[in-house]
Amino acid sequence: MPQKKPATAVTRPPARTGTTTRAPQRRYYSRQAVRRAPTPQQPTSDRYKQIQDALAAKGYLTTPSNGVWDQQSAQAMQRFQQDQKLEPTGKLTARSLVALGLGPKDPAVTAVPAGGESAGGGSAEVAPAQ
C-alpha cells in the first residue's frame, strides 16, 4: 500500500500589530449606462393642426389646416419667425411656438437665461415633410 505524505500546513506571515492600515481594496463595477440627451419628439397630427391654425389666425398660412407639416406650413413659419426676429428656418422651435402662444404652460420651461439659450440647452427642431 502506498504511503500517504503528511499534509503540510500552510503558513501565514504573523499578523501585524500596530497602527498600520491596509489600503482599501478597489472594487470594479460594470460600466454604467451613458445618459443621453433627450431627442425631440415628432409632433402629432393634432399638434401640427394647432400650429397651422395659429399661423392661419395670424395671417401667415392661407391653406387649410390639415395636420401635415408640408412646404406651405414651413414657409408660413419662416415668415412668422422673420417677423418675430427669430432665426427664419421654417422649423418648429420652442421659441417659435412660444411666440405663437403654443408654448409649454410651465413658465419655468419658457424662461430664457441671460446667455440666450433655452432651459434645455438648445431648441428642438422639426423638419417639414417633403
C-alpha atoms as a PDB file:
ATOM      1  CA  MET A   1       0.000   0.000   0.000  1.00  0.00           C
ATOM      2  CA  PRO A   2       1.409   3.358  -0.893  1.00  0.00           C
ATOM      3  CA  GLN A   3       2.257   5.600   1.956  1.00  0.00           C
ATOM      4  CA  LYS A   4       0.489   8.907   2.297  1.00  0.00           C
ATOM      5  CA  LYS A   5       2.566  12.005   2.527  1.00  0.00           C
ATOM      6  CA  PRO A   6       1.941  14.064   5.589  1.00  0.00           C
ATOM      7  CA  ALA A   7      -0.176  17.156   4.924  1.00  0.00           C
ATOM      8  CA  THR A   8       1.838  20.304   5.013  1.00  0.00           C
ATOM      9  CA  ALA A   9       0.380  23.174   6.892  1.00  0.00           C
ATOM     10  CA  VAL A  10       0.008  26.476   5.124  1.00  0.00           C
ATOM     11  CA  THR A  11       1.964  29.035   6.982  1.00  0.00           C
ATOM     12  CA  ARG A  12       0.911  32.621   7.054  1.00  0.00           C
ATOM     13  CA  PRO A  13       3.014  35.554   7.996  1.00  0.00           C
ATOM     14  CA  PRO A  14       2.393  36.676  11.533  1.00  0.00           C
ATOM     15  CA  ALA A  15      -0.390  39.191  11.978  1.00  0.00           C
ATOM     16  CA  ARG A  16       0.852  42.721  12.231  1.00  0.00           C
ATOM     17  CA  THR A  17       0.044  44.662  15.269  1.00  0.00           C
ATOM     18  CA  GLY A  18       0.287  48.388  15.350  1.00  0.00           C
ATOM     19  CA  THR A  19      -1.225  51.389  13.635  1.00  0.00           C
ATOM     20  CA  THR A  20      -0.720  50.458  10.002  1.00  0.00           C
ATOM     21  CA  THR A  21      -3.850  50.075   7.932  1.00  0.00           C
ATOM     22  CA  ARG A  22      -4.409  48.314   4.701  1.00  0.00           C
ATOM     23  CA  ALA A  23      -5.221  50.282   1.605  1.00  0.00           C
ATOM     24  CA  PRO A  24      -8.886  49.888   0.662  1.00  0.00           C
ATOM     25  CA  GLN A  25      -9.474  47.197  -1.865  1.00  0.00           C
ATOM     26  CA  ARG A  26     -10.516  48.512  -5.276  1.00  0.00           C
ATOM     27  CA  ARG A  27     -13.906  47.465  -6.435  1.00  0.00           C
ATOM     28  CA  TYR A  28     -14.647  47.288 -10.099  1.00  0.00           C
ATOM     29  CA  TYR A  29     -18.201  47.714 -11.197  1.00  0.00           C
ATOM     30  CA  SER A  30     -19.692  47.125 -14.562  1.00  0.00           C
ATOM     31  CA  ARG A  31     -19.822  50.128 -16.833  1.00  0.00           C
ATOM     32  CA  GLN A  32     -22.798  52.306 -16.103  1.00  0.00           C
ATOM     33  CA  ALA A  33     -25.197  53.372 -18.824  1.00  0.00           C
ATOM     34  CA  VAL A  34     -24.396  56.636 -20.560  1.00  0.00           C
ATOM     35  CA  ARG A  35     -27.073  59.288 -20.118  1.00  0.00           C
ATOM     36  CA  ARG A  36     -28.132  60.591 -23.494  1.00  0.00           C
ATOM     37  CA  ALA A  37     -29.668  63.921 -24.259  1.00  0.00           C
ATOM     38  CA  PRO A  38     -33.398  63.690 -24.891  1.00  0.00           C
ATOM     39  CA  THR A  39     -34.308  63.688 -28.527  1.00  0.00           C
ATOM     40  CA  PRO A  40     -37.163  65.861 -29.726  1.00  0.00           C
ATOM     41  CA  GLN A  41     -40.406  64.020 -30.298  1.00  0.00           C
ATOM     42  CA  GLN A  42     -42.265  64.268 -33.555  1.00  0.00           C
ATOM     43  CA  PRO A  43     -45.453  66.323 -33.043  1.00  0.00           C
ATOM     44  CA  THR A  44     -48.769  64.593 -33.541  1.00  0.00           C
ATOM     45  CA  SER A  45     -51.139  65.432 -36.353  1.00  0.00           C
ATOM     46  CA  ASP A  46     -53.343  67.308 -33.860  1.00  0.00           C
ATOM     47  CA  ARG A  47     -50.363  69.383 -32.706  1.00  0.00           C
ATOM     48  CA  TYR A  48     -49.471  70.242 -36.313  1.00  0.00           C
ATOM     49  CA  LYS A  49     -53.087  71.319 -36.823  1.00  0.00           C
ATOM     50  CA  GLN A  50     -52.896  73.571 -33.730  1.00  0.00           C
ATOM     51  CA  ILE A  51     -49.734  75.200 -35.071  1.00  0.00           C
ATOM     52  CA  GLN A  52     -51.249  75.623 -38.524  1.00  0.00           C
ATOM     53  CA  ASP A  53     -54.413  77.151 -37.011  1.00  0.00           C
ATOM     54  CA  ALA A  54     -52.263  79.630 -35.033  1.00  0.00           C
ATOM     55  CA  LEU A  55     -50.300  80.566 -38.175  1.00  0.00           C
ATOM     56  CA  ALA A  56     -53.568  80.984 -40.119  1.00  0.00           C
ATOM     57  CA  ALA A  57     -55.081  83.133 -37.345  1.00  0.00           C
ATOM     58  CA  LYS A  58     -52.068  85.458 -37.590  1.00  0.00           C
ATOM     59  CA  GLY A  59     -52.362  85.601 -41.405  1.00  0.00           C
ATOM     60  CA  TYR A  60     -49.242  83.594 -42.289  1.00  0.00           C
ATOM     61  CA  LEU A  61     -50.882  80.386 -43.566  1.00  0.00           C
ATOM     62  CA  THR A  62     -53.514  80.615 -46.301  1.00  0.00           C
ATOM     63  CA  THR A  63     -54.020  76.907 -46.962  1.00  0.00           C
ATOM     64  CA  PRO A  64     -56.428  74.909 -44.787  1.00  0.00           C
ATOM     65  CA  SER A  65     -55.044  73.232 -41.667  1.00  0.00           C
ATOM     66  CA  ASN A  66     -54.654  69.538 -42.434  1.00  0.00           C
ATOM     67  CA  GLY A  67     -52.348  68.269 -39.661  1.00  0.00           C
ATOM     68  CA  VAL A  68     -49.457  67.591 -42.061  1.00  0.00           C
ATOM     69  CA  TRP A  69     -46.364  69.780 -41.825  1.00  0.00           C
ATOM     70  CA  ASP A  70     -45.835  70.500 -45.517  1.00  0.00           C
ATOM     71  CA  GLN A  71     -43.882  73.062 -47.523  1.00  0.00           C
ATOM     72  CA  GLN A  72     -46.585  75.754 -47.210  1.00  0.00           C
ATOM     73  CA  SER A  73     -46.580  75.335 -43.418  1.00  0.00           C
ATOM     74  CA  ALA A  74     -42.783  75.604 -43.274  1.00  0.00           C
ATOM     75  CA  GLN A  75     -42.819  78.755 -45.443  1.00  0.00           C
ATOM     76  CA  ALA A  76     -45.530  80.311 -43.257  1.00  0.00           C
ATOM     77  CA  MET A  77     -43.477  79.505 -40.153  1.00  0.00           C
ATOM     78  CA  GLN A  78     -40.394  81.010 -41.769  1.00  0.00           C
ATOM     79  CA  ARG A  79     -42.224  84.292 -42.494  1.00  0.00           C
ATOM     80  CA  PHE A  80     -43.572  84.332 -38.934  1.00  0.00           C
ATOM     81  CA  GLN A  81     -40.095  83.721 -37.492  1.00  0.00           C
ATOM     82  CA  GLN A  82     -38.625  86.512 -39.594  1.00  0.00           C
ATOM     83  CA  ASP A  83     -41.299  88.968 -38.427  1.00  0.00           C
ATOM     84  CA  GLN A  84     -40.692  87.916 -34.796  1.00  0.00           C
ATOM     85  CA  LYS A  85     -36.917  88.481 -35.129  1.00  0.00           C
ATOM     86  CA  LEU A  86     -36.249  84.757 -34.694  1.00  0.00           C
ATOM     87  CA  GLU A  87     -33.933  82.694 -36.858  1.00  0.00           C
ATOM     88  CA  PRO A  88     -36.054  82.136 -40.001  1.00  0.00           C
ATOM     89  CA  THR A  89     -35.524  78.411 -40.521  1.00  0.00           C
ATOM     90  CA  GLY A  90     -39.135  77.377 -41.032  1.00  0.00           C
ATOM     91  CA  LYS A  91     -38.586  74.629 -38.476  1.00  0.00           C
ATOM     92  CA  LEU A  92     -40.611  74.245 -35.314  1.00  0.00           C
ATOM     93  CA  THR A  93     -38.591  75.585 -32.430  1.00  0.00           C
ATOM     94  CA  ALA A  94     -39.532  76.151 -28.816  1.00  0.00           C
ATOM     95  CA  ARG A  95     -39.179  79.917 -29.208  1.00  0.00           C
ATOM     96  CA  SER A  96     -41.370  79.954 -32.309  1.00  0.00           C
ATOM     97  CA  LEU A  97     -44.095  78.001 -30.526  1.00  0.00           C
ATOM     98  CA  VAL A  98     -43.921  80.344 -27.524  1.00  0.00           C
ATOM     99  CA  ALA A  99     -44.205  83.348 -29.859  1.00  0.00           C
ATOM    100  CA  LEU A 100     -47.285  81.737 -31.442  1.00  0.00           C
ATOM    101  CA  GLY A 101     -48.787  81.289 -27.978  1.00  0.00           C
ATOM    102  CA  LEU A 102     -48.462  77.500 -28.147  1.00  0.00           C
ATOM    103  CA  GLY A 103     -45.513  77.038 -25.810  1.00  0.00           C
ATOM    104  CA  PRO A 104     -45.481  74.997 -22.619  1.00  0.00           C
ATOM    105  CA  LYS A 105     -47.819  76.015 -19.817  1.00  0.00           C
ATOM    106  CA  ASP A 106     -44.992  75.943 -17.221  1.00  0.00           C
ATOM    107  CA  PRO A 107     -43.308  79.391 -17.161  1.00  0.00           C
ATOM    108  CA  ALA A 108     -40.041  77.865 -15.876  1.00  0.00           C
ATOM    109  CA  VAL A 109     -39.667  75.968 -19.164  1.00  0.00           C
ATOM    110  CA  THR A 110     -40.030  79.092 -21.286  1.00  0.00           C
ATOM    111  CA  ALA A 111     -37.641  81.199 -19.206  1.00  0.00           C
ATOM    112  CA  VAL A 112     -34.549  82.139 -21.210  1.00  0.00           C
ATOM    113  CA  PRO A 113     -31.306  82.556 -19.226  1.00  0.00           C
ATOM    114  CA  ALA A 114     -29.065  85.585 -19.769  1.00  0.00           C
ATOM    115  CA  GLY A 115     -26.889  83.578 -22.202  1.00  0.00           C
ATOM    116  CA  GLY A 116     -29.769  83.384 -24.653  1.00  0.00           C
ATOM    117  CA  GLU A 117     -30.081  79.595 -24.673  1.00  0.00           C
ATOM    118  CA  SER A 118     -33.326  77.924 -23.702  1.00  0.00           C
ATOM    119  CA  ALA A 119     -33.575  75.991 -20.437  1.00  0.00           C
ATOM    120  CA  GLY A 120     -32.956  72.694 -22.238  1.00  0.00           C
ATOM    121  CA  GLY A 121     -29.649  73.814 -23.694  1.00  0.00           C
ATOM    122  CA  GLY A 122     -30.980  74.273 -27.211  1.00  0.00           C
ATOM    123  CA  SER A 123     -34.141  74.201 -29.213  1.00  0.00           C
ATOM    124  CA  ALA A 124     -35.877  71.199 -30.639  1.00  0.00           C
ATOM    125  CA  GLU A 125     -36.402  71.472 -34.368  1.00  0.00           C
ATOM    126  CA  VAL A 126     -38.640  69.516 -36.697  1.00  0.00           C
ATOM    127  CA  ALA A 127     -38.033  69.473 -40.431  1.00  0.00           C
ATOM    128  CA  PRO A 128     -41.031  69.787 -42.788  1.00  0.00           C
ATOM    129  CA  ALA A 129     -42.387  66.762 -44.648  1.00  0.00           C
ATOM    130  CA  GLN A 130     -41.337  66.745 -48.270  1.00  0.00           C
END
